[in-house]
């Protein structure tokens, strides 16, 4: 069973008033539980948490234990201790798989992962876990009223991952790493083909490849301008009405002109 580590309990206890210290010294577990319930109602989560943990050994084999553990998990959640809350919700499901609260707790476990999801610039492991857990919830509870909210959270997480990938691709471009930028934007389009920004991602592939061709050694330029032309043709086929159409066309024209100039120069050199 996953209770708060001993040192953390001491920290929480240190932050409590002398009143709760007196309660903890009481030999009466029923009195402690009543006070824990009172603190829970009053939203004094840290005090309720300490008292629930204290009485758990006494109530472990009694009917009240399920409700105690349920509220104990929420004490962690309501103090924004989402890592601990996720563990506690998980353990609740292991201890009480047939509980009437199982659906709610299953959702709260997934939601605790979502609450740990950081800004797009940071590691998105918890975002990915949240998406997986929410999908599992939908699959396990297809008729739940929470399924729509779970689906909405999956989309929020997906958007965050898209933003992270977009910023990475943009960083490559801004740093002048045009080949890497082209690959990153292409991967972005493949990962999020239905995105509202899909045409922009494809256009940035074109722009990145053009800049990469410009910076290439002479022997590689014709080949790489040809890749730009191929990318523009794919863009026109897929996004004929895009606001980037005219600019994409200009990159095709520039590439064709550059290839023509390269070939003319080769003719002059060989003559």
Foldseek 3Di string as FASTA:
>chain_A
DDAPDPVVLVVLVVPDDVVLVVVLPDPDLVSLQVVLVVCVVVVVLSSNLSSLVSSQVVCVPPPCNLVSLVSNLVSCVSVLVLVSSLVSLVVSCVVCVPDPCNLVSLLSNLVSLLSPQDQLQDDGPSLVSSLVSLVVSCVVCVPDPCNVVSVVSNVVSVVSPLVSLVVVLVVCVVVVVLVSSLVSLVVSCVSCVPDPCNLVSLVSNLVSLLSVLVPDDLVCNLVSLVVSLVSLVVSCVVCVPDPCNVVSVVSNVVSVVVNVVSVVVVVVVVD
